[in-house]
């Protein structure tokens, strides 16, 4: 009989009155049962976080940094166990799951480093005007209050890390809500945090169902919300709490632009391999996966067959097999939605070059051309292993095609020309431009977030720490400067 996993309430394990099943999207087996907190237990967690906020903000930096270092080191020690868990509950191929654990290791290490140098103070002399003679301003950053972190299913460990680690680094209590489909990875972080000396109440990991979230979102004791997920849900949260600080990472439909100067066989082979890999990794369930290829007409006809061949070389199958590149989507319903969008595009005139078949929760890696501009597949985030290829004439038309999207998370530009790279940086309405590679590159310490409907604010440890804090100025008077 499968035991029920406790959640973490104010730093201690607790169980509620009901539980939810966590099943594998690959074969439907029961991966685990997770206890669901009662309304009273949620209230206890919120009250504890609110009560400890001043104490936690005043915790010495070395204490917070030591806790973050501890989690980073313990993740290393438990890498294989956690990777197997991610793969089981999420369906992510084991090689990508191992990579996700490695990224979470870095996130906590970066946060420990930032905690040690954060909030050191910036001095500004004020005697530049006569009225400021003898005065000095000292600016420091302080937590805005308790953070409510809402994490998605697609990176069930690392995106939880991106909520928890910056909060601890600045001394902000956090209540983490992992995705209901993939809560086990978040609960592992609770196990590791429980081994530290952080104050009771400074963190909770609550396996709260989505339908119970509105009350948490509305709670005035939680002034900061960090949400990763769909634009529909994210903006609904922001609209419902206009006086709160919301950081929203809402996805996109990433474009890879291949320009005329990226034309050698070696160049095109590289581009095709990277495009095929990162349109299908995580089953395409990444906000910065390649969904659109925009190819200059001078390279399009040679690039397209290379992309198709590279996509067909992707190994689809059991996520526990180290040879598997593409596993299932998070659920059969998710795969059926992808299937419906592809079918709609084909019925509207799109050409299906490979893929287009569903088997349960698994959808075959798919490439299409001539997708109608008004097709759902062209306008929305597919969040599946589907790629469209469009031919354009020149750089200006290529950049305009990128910007036609309502999303703007990241874009990749395959070019060797540094002037083109700077023009892309200026012209593309996205949060990040990756030159010489796909839009799917993310370093966890860099600023990460989007423009337009891809969100508000930035993740990346130091940048999230800024989001969780505000500046407070101290003016000292009567100084001999």
Foldseek 3Di string as FASTA:
>chain_A
DADEAFWFALLDTDADDDWDFAFFQFPRHTPHIYGAHDPVSVVRLLVLLLVCQVVLLPPDLQQLLVLLLQLLVVLVVCLQVLLVLLCGLFVAFSVVSSVLSVQLSVLSNVLSVCLVVAFPWDKDQDPVDVVRPQKIKIKGKAFPEEEEEEEESLSQANSLSLRPSLCSSNRHAYEYATALSRLPNVRVSSVSSSVGDRGRSSYTYGPHHPVPCVVVLPDPNHQEYEYEEALVVQVVSCVVCVRGQYFYQHADAAEEEEEDQLADPVSLLQALLQLLLQLQRSQNQDSQGHAEYEYEPNRVVVNVVSNVVNNVPAAEDRSHDNNHRHTFGSFQVLVVQLLVLVVQQVVVPKAWPDWSDDDGRHGRQTEIEPGDCPRCSNADRSSGNYYYYHYDHDDVRRQVSQQVYQWAFEYEYEDPDVVSVVVSVVRHQWPYYHYNGGRPDDRLQDWGFIGGSSTDFTTHSVRVSPSRIDMDMDMDGNHDD
